[in-house]
């Protein structure tokens, strides 16, 4: 990082696949939620094709904070968070309240 005012890069801090084709996700900014990946894997493409098999979909892991599958298909944490926010799937952390 070169700029003092730049934000740290958003990362996924934990991920777990649940059926049918959903990801339980936590982000480095404290937000979390459950992403419905059915639409994403329904799109045509050689990267998403293997994800249609439930067992393969469940093999998601984190590579430097990025959700990645064994075929090297990955999802940008920024895109994932944005999609979850648009769909109402994102839970924001509660603000810290100061005691008086």
C-alpha atoms as a PDB file:
ATOM      1  CA  UNK A   1       0.000   0.000   0.000  1.00  0.00           C
ATOM      2  CA  UNK A   2       1.407   3.342  -0.982  1.00  0.00           C
ATOM      3  CA  UNK A   3      -1.353   5.664   0.109  1.00  0.00           C
ATOM      4  CA  UNK A   4      -2.138   6.255   3.772  1.00  0.00           C
ATOM      5  CA  UNK A   5      -5.839   6.703   3.074  1.00  0.00           C
ATOM      6  CA  UNK A   6      -6.301   3.526   1.022  1.00  0.00           C
ATOM      7  CA  UNK A   7      -8.402   0.775   2.541  1.00  0.00           C
ATOM      8  CA  UNK A   8      -6.909  -2.638   3.237  1.00  0.00           C
ATOM      9  CA  UNK A   9      -7.818  -5.176   0.569  1.00  0.00           C
ATOM     10  CA  UNK A  10     -11.075  -6.981   1.342  1.00  0.00           C
ATOM     11  CA  UNK A  11     -10.588 -10.696   1.984  1.00  0.00           C
ATOM     12  CA  UNK A  12     -12.817 -13.620   2.771  1.00  0.00           C
ATOM     13  CA  UNK A  13     -11.823 -14.874   6.224  1.00  0.00           C
ATOM     14  CA  UNK A  14     -13.944 -18.023   6.262  1.00  0.00           C
ATOM     15  CA  UNK A  15     -16.041 -19.941   3.770  1.00  0.00           C
ATOM     16  CA  UNK A  16     -18.131 -23.089   3.908  1.00  0.00           C
ATOM     17  CA  UNK A  17     -20.258 -24.674   1.188  1.00  0.00           C
ATOM     18  CA  UNK A  18     -23.753 -25.814   2.077  1.00  0.00           C
ATOM     19  CA  UNK A  19     -26.312 -27.445  -0.180  1.00  0.00           C
ATOM     20  CA  UNK A  20     -27.852 -26.600  -2.494  1.00  0.00           C
ATOM     21  CA  UNK A  21     -25.068 -24.443  -3.931  1.00  0.00           C
ATOM     22  CA  UNK A  22     -24.736 -21.853  -1.188  1.00  0.00           C
ATOM     23  CA  UNK A  23     -21.648 -20.407   0.497  1.00  0.00           C
ATOM     24  CA  UNK A  24     -21.536 -19.238   4.117  1.00  0.00           C
ATOM     25  CA  UNK A  25     -19.029 -16.396   4.003  1.00  0.00           C
ATOM     26  CA  UNK A  26     -17.287 -14.034   6.446  1.00  0.00           C
ATOM     27  CA  UNK A  27     -15.304 -11.010   5.255  1.00  0.00           C
ATOM     28  CA  UNK A  28     -12.347  -9.138   6.735  1.00  0.00           C
ATOM     29  CA  UNK A  29     -14.539  -6.044   7.261  1.00  0.00           C
ATOM     30  CA  UNK A  30     -16.736  -7.984   9.718  1.00  0.00           C
ATOM     31  CA  UNK A  31     -19.649  -8.531   7.330  1.00  0.00           C
ATOM     32  CA  UNK A  32     -20.964 -12.027   6.617  1.00  0.00           C
ATOM     33  CA  UNK A  33     -23.844 -13.927   5.091  1.00  0.00           C
ATOM     34  CA  UNK A  34     -24.949 -16.777   2.866  1.00  0.00           C
ATOM     35  CA  UNK A  35     -24.389 -16.413  -0.883  1.00  0.00           C
ATOM     36  CA  UNK A  36     -26.720 -18.300  -3.221  1.00  0.00           C
ATOM     37  CA  UNK A  37     -24.355 -19.361  -6.017  1.00  0.00           C
ATOM     38  CA  UNK A  38     -27.003 -21.057  -8.184  1.00  0.00           C
ATOM     39  CA  UNK A  39     -27.174 -18.133 -10.620  1.00  0.00           C
ATOM     40  CA  UNK A  40     -23.407 -17.862 -10.872  1.00  0.00           C
ATOM     41  CA  UNK A  41     -22.853 -21.548 -11.614  1.00  0.00           C
ATOM     42  CA  UNK A  42     -25.766 -21.578 -14.039  1.00  0.00           C
ATOM     43  CA  UNK A  43     -23.831 -19.252 -16.348  1.00  0.00           C
ATOM     44  CA  UNK A  44     -21.985 -20.850 -19.248  1.00  0.00           C
ATOM     45  CA  UNK A  45     -18.257 -21.263 -18.964  1.00  0.00           C
ATOM     46  CA  UNK A  46     -15.626 -23.904 -18.454  1.00  0.00           C
ATOM     47  CA  UNK A  47     -14.787 -22.503 -15.002  1.00  0.00           C
ATOM     48  CA  UNK A  48     -18.327 -22.837 -13.659  1.00  0.00           C
ATOM     49  CA  UNK A  49     -19.191 -26.148 -15.358  1.00  0.00           C
ATOM     50  CA  UNK A  50     -17.509 -28.394 -12.705  1.00  0.00           C
ATOM     51  CA  UNK A  51     -19.138 -26.389  -9.882  1.00  0.00           C
ATOM     52  CA  UNK A  52     -22.532 -27.796 -10.898  1.00  0.00           C
ATOM     53  CA  UNK A  53     -21.525 -31.081  -9.293  1.00  0.00           C
ATOM     54  CA  UNK A  54     -22.365 -30.721  -5.598  1.00  0.00           C
ATOM     55  CA  UNK A  55     -19.311 -32.589  -4.396  1.00  0.00           C
ATOM     56  CA  UNK A  56     -16.968 -30.411  -6.448  1.00  0.00           C
ATOM     57  CA  UNK A  57     -18.798 -27.241  -5.350  1.00  0.00           C
ATOM     58  CA  UNK A  58     -18.144 -28.278  -1.747  1.00  0.00           C
ATOM     59  CA  UNK A  59     -14.367 -28.313  -2.394  1.00  0.00           C
ATOM     60  CA  UNK A  60     -14.128 -24.500  -2.179  1.00  0.00           C
ATOM     61  CA  UNK A  61     -11.123 -23.238  -0.198  1.00  0.00           C
ATOM     62  CA  UNK A  62      -9.512 -19.905   0.519  1.00  0.00           C
ATOM     63  CA  UNK A  63      -6.334 -18.917  -1.336  1.00  0.00           C
ATOM     64  CA  UNK A  64      -5.020 -15.680   0.177  1.00  0.00           C
ATOM     65  CA  UNK A  65      -8.545 -14.621   1.140  1.00  0.00           C
ATOM     66  CA  UNK A  66     -10.071 -15.512  -2.247  1.00  0.00           C
ATOM     67  CA  UNK A  67     -12.669 -18.325  -2.633  1.00  0.00           C
ATOM     68  CA  UNK A  68     -11.066 -20.834  -5.028  1.00  0.00           C
ATOM     69  CA  UNK A  69     -11.962 -24.278  -6.374  1.00  0.00           C
ATOM     70  CA  UNK A  70      -9.572 -27.068  -7.462  1.00  0.00           C
ATOM     71  CA  UNK A  71     -10.010 -26.082 -11.147  1.00  0.00           C
ATOM     72  CA  UNK A  72      -8.570 -22.629 -10.229  1.00  0.00           C
ATOM     73  CA  UNK A  73     -11.937 -20.892 -10.680  1.00  0.00           C
ATOM     74  CA  UNK A  74     -12.146 -18.114  -8.114  1.00  0.00           C
ATOM     75  CA  UNK A  75     -14.456 -15.315  -6.992  1.00  0.00           C
ATOM     76  CA  UNK A  76     -13.287 -11.797  -6.234  1.00  0.00           C
ATOM     77  CA  UNK A  77     -14.094 -10.967  -2.576  1.00  0.00           C
ATOM     78  CA  UNK A  78     -15.180  -7.460  -3.662  1.00  0.00           C
ATOM     79  CA  UNK A  79     -17.574  -8.818  -6.284  1.00  0.00           C
ATOM     80  CA  UNK A  80     -18.901 -11.439  -3.874  1.00  0.00           C
ATOM     81  CA  UNK A  81     -19.597  -8.867  -1.140  1.00  0.00           C
ATOM     82  CA  UNK A  82     -21.217  -6.473  -3.633  1.00  0.00           C
ATOM     83  CA  UNK A  83     -23.488  -9.223  -5.003  1.00  0.00           C
ATOM     84  CA  UNK A  84     -24.482 -10.310  -1.512  1.00  0.00           C
ATOM     85  CA  UNK A  85     -25.262  -6.716  -0.552  1.00  0.00           C
ATOM     86  CA  UNK A  86     -27.405  -6.180  -3.693  1.00  0.00           C
ATOM     87  CA  UNK A  87     -29.401  -9.340  -2.965  1.00  0.00           C
ATOM     88  CA  UNK A  88     -29.912  -8.657   0.733  1.00  0.00           C
ATOM     89  CA  UNK A  89     -27.734 -11.643   1.707  1.00  0.00           C
ATOM     90  CA  UNK A  90     -25.125  -9.567   3.572  1.00  0.00           C
ATOM     91  CA  UNK A  91     -25.171  -9.034   7.337  1.00  0.00           C
ATOM     92  CA  UNK A  92     -23.229  -5.985   8.461  1.00  0.00           C
ATOM     93  CA  UNK A  93     -21.424  -5.977  11.814  1.00  0.00           C
ATOM     94  CA  UNK A  94     -23.111  -4.100  14.627  1.00  0.00           C
ATOM     95  CA  UNK A  95     -21.454  -0.765  15.372  1.00  0.00           C
ATOM     96  CA  UNK A  96     -19.346  -0.689  18.496  1.00  0.00           C
ATOM     97  CA  UNK A  97     -21.112   1.361  21.141  1.00  0.00           C
ATOM     98  CA  UNK A  98     -19.055   3.340  23.561  1.00  0.00           C
ATOM     99  CA  UNK A  99     -19.953   3.435  27.198  1.00  0.00           C
ATOM    100  CA  UNK A 100     -20.403   6.824  28.792  1.00  0.00           C
END
